């Protein structure tokens, strides 16, 4: 079985990597479906608390980055977050949703 070194230095077996990749994609789909089904603008913190409170906040942020990169959602402003810093708000990209 081949071993792969993850970007943060952890060595993963191929099967472990596939499992983690599958979980990340399902988290991303969960976040995207929230945008599709709930009209509004949301921060990473809101989505994390609402959808994936047991996952790291960084996982939610990664989902949002991937969805922006895929053209499915877009940044639409900023709010003050729980930690007192300015955080981005996101919304569904309407023209992309119409294609799906």
Protein backbone atom coordinates (compact mmCIF):
# COMPACT_ATOMS: atom_id res chain seq x y z
CA UNK A 1 0.00 0.00 0.00
CA UNK A 2 1.42 3.39 -0.90
CA UNK A 3 2.01 6.07 1.69
CA UNK A 4 1.47 9.75 0.97
CA UNK A 5 2.82 12.64 2.99
CA UNK A 6 0.05 15.15 3.63
CA UNK A 7 0.85 18.86 3.31
CA UNK A 8 1.15 19.27 7.09
CA UNK A 9 3.66 16.40 7.36
CA UNK A 10 1.35 13.55 8.39
CA UNK A 11 1.93 10.34 6.49
CA UNK A 12 -1.33 8.87 5.18
CA UNK A 13 -2.14 5.52 3.70
CA UNK A 14 -3.92 5.72 0.33
CA UNK A 15 -7.16 4.46 1.90
CA UNK A 16 -7.01 7.11 4.66
CA UNK A 17 -6.46 9.86 2.09
CA UNK A 18 -9.43 8.67 0.03
CA UNK A 19 -11.64 8.63 3.12
CA UNK A 20 -10.60 12.15 4.13
CA UNK A 21 -11.10 13.44 0.58
CA UNK A 22 -14.59 11.90 0.43
CA UNK A 23 -15.52 13.50 3.77
CA UNK A 24 -14.26 16.91 2.64
CA UNK A 25 -16.34 16.72 -0.55
CA UNK A 26 -19.46 15.79 1.42
CA UNK A 27 -18.87 18.75 3.76
CA UNK A 28 -18.51 21.02 0.74
CA UNK A 29 -21.76 19.69 -0.75
CA UNK A 30 -23.51 20.25 2.59
CA UNK A 31 -22.40 23.90 2.63
CA UNK A 32 -23.39 24.40 -1.02
CA UNK A 33 -26.85 22.89 -0.47
CA UNK A 34 -27.36 25.26 2.47
CA UNK A 35 -26.78 28.21 0.12
CA UNK A 36 -29.16 26.69 -2.44
CA UNK A 37 -31.95 26.06 0.07
CA UNK A 38 -31.62 29.03 2.46
CA UNK A 39 -31.68 32.49 0.93
CA UNK A 40 -29.23 34.92 2.50
CA UNK A 41 -25.66 35.93 3.16
CA UNK A 42 -23.60 33.84 5.55
CA UNK A 43 -20.22 33.88 7.26
CA UNK A 44 -17.96 30.90 7.83
CA UNK A 45 -18.75 31.13 11.55
CA UNK A 46 -22.50 30.95 10.95
CA UNK A 47 -22.19 27.96 8.62
CA UNK A 48 -19.81 26.21 11.00
CA UNK A 49 -22.12 26.64 14.02
CA UNK A 50 -25.20 25.67 11.98
CA UNK A 51 -23.91 22.79 9.86
CA UNK A 52 -20.66 21.38 11.21
CA UNK A 53 -20.08 22.38 14.86
CA UNK A 54 -17.91 19.32 15.54
CA UNK A 55 -15.60 19.94 12.57
CA UNK A 56 -12.79 22.53 12.70
CA UNK A 57 -13.78 26.04 11.61
CA UNK A 58 -10.98 25.85 9.06
CA UNK A 59 -12.87 23.01 7.30
CA UNK A 60 -15.82 25.34 6.78
CA UNK A 61 -13.52 28.05 5.49
CA UNK A 62 -11.93 25.59 3.07
CA UNK A 63 -15.38 24.61 1.77
CA UNK A 64 -16.17 28.28 1.15
CA UNK A 65 -12.85 28.88 -0.62
CA UNK A 66 -13.45 25.88 -2.86
CA UNK A 67 -17.01 26.97 -3.68
CA UNK A 68 -15.82 30.50 -4.55
CA UNK A 69 -13.10 29.00 -6.74
CA UNK A 70 -15.71 26.76 -8.44
CA UNK A 71 -17.88 29.84 -9.14
CA UNK A 72 -20.83 28.59 -7.07
CA UNK A 73 -20.81 31.30 -4.38
CA UNK A 74 -19.30 34.76 -4.09
CA UNK A 75 -18.09 37.14 -1.40
CA UNK A 76 -20.57 39.92 -0.71
CA UNK A 77 -19.24 42.01 2.15
CA UNK A 78 -17.87 41.73 5.66
CA UNK A 79 -19.13 41.43 9.23
CA UNK A 80 -17.42 41.60 12.57
CA UNK A 81 -16.84 38.03 13.73
CA UNK A 82 -16.87 36.42 17.16
CA UNK A 83 -13.17 37.03 17.63
CA UNK A 84 -13.51 40.76 16.93
CA UNK A 85 -12.03 40.65 13.44
CA UNK A 86 -13.65 41.42 10.12
CA UNK A 87 -14.86 38.27 8.33
CA UNK A 88 -16.28 37.75 4.85
CA UNK A 89 -19.92 37.11 4.04
CA UNK A 90 -20.87 34.84 1.15
CA UNK A 91 -23.95 34.36 -0.98
CA UNK A 92 -25.07 32.01 -3.72
CA UNK A 93 -24.06 33.08 -7.19
CA UNK A 94 -27.50 33.22 -8.82
CA UNK A 95 -26.39 32.58 -12.39
CA UNK A 96 -24.46 29.48 -11.27
CA UNK A 97 -27.49 28.13 -9.37
CA UNK A 98 -29.65 28.50 -12.46
CA UNK A 99 -27.20 26.26 -14.38
CA UNK A 100 -27.25 23.50 -11.74
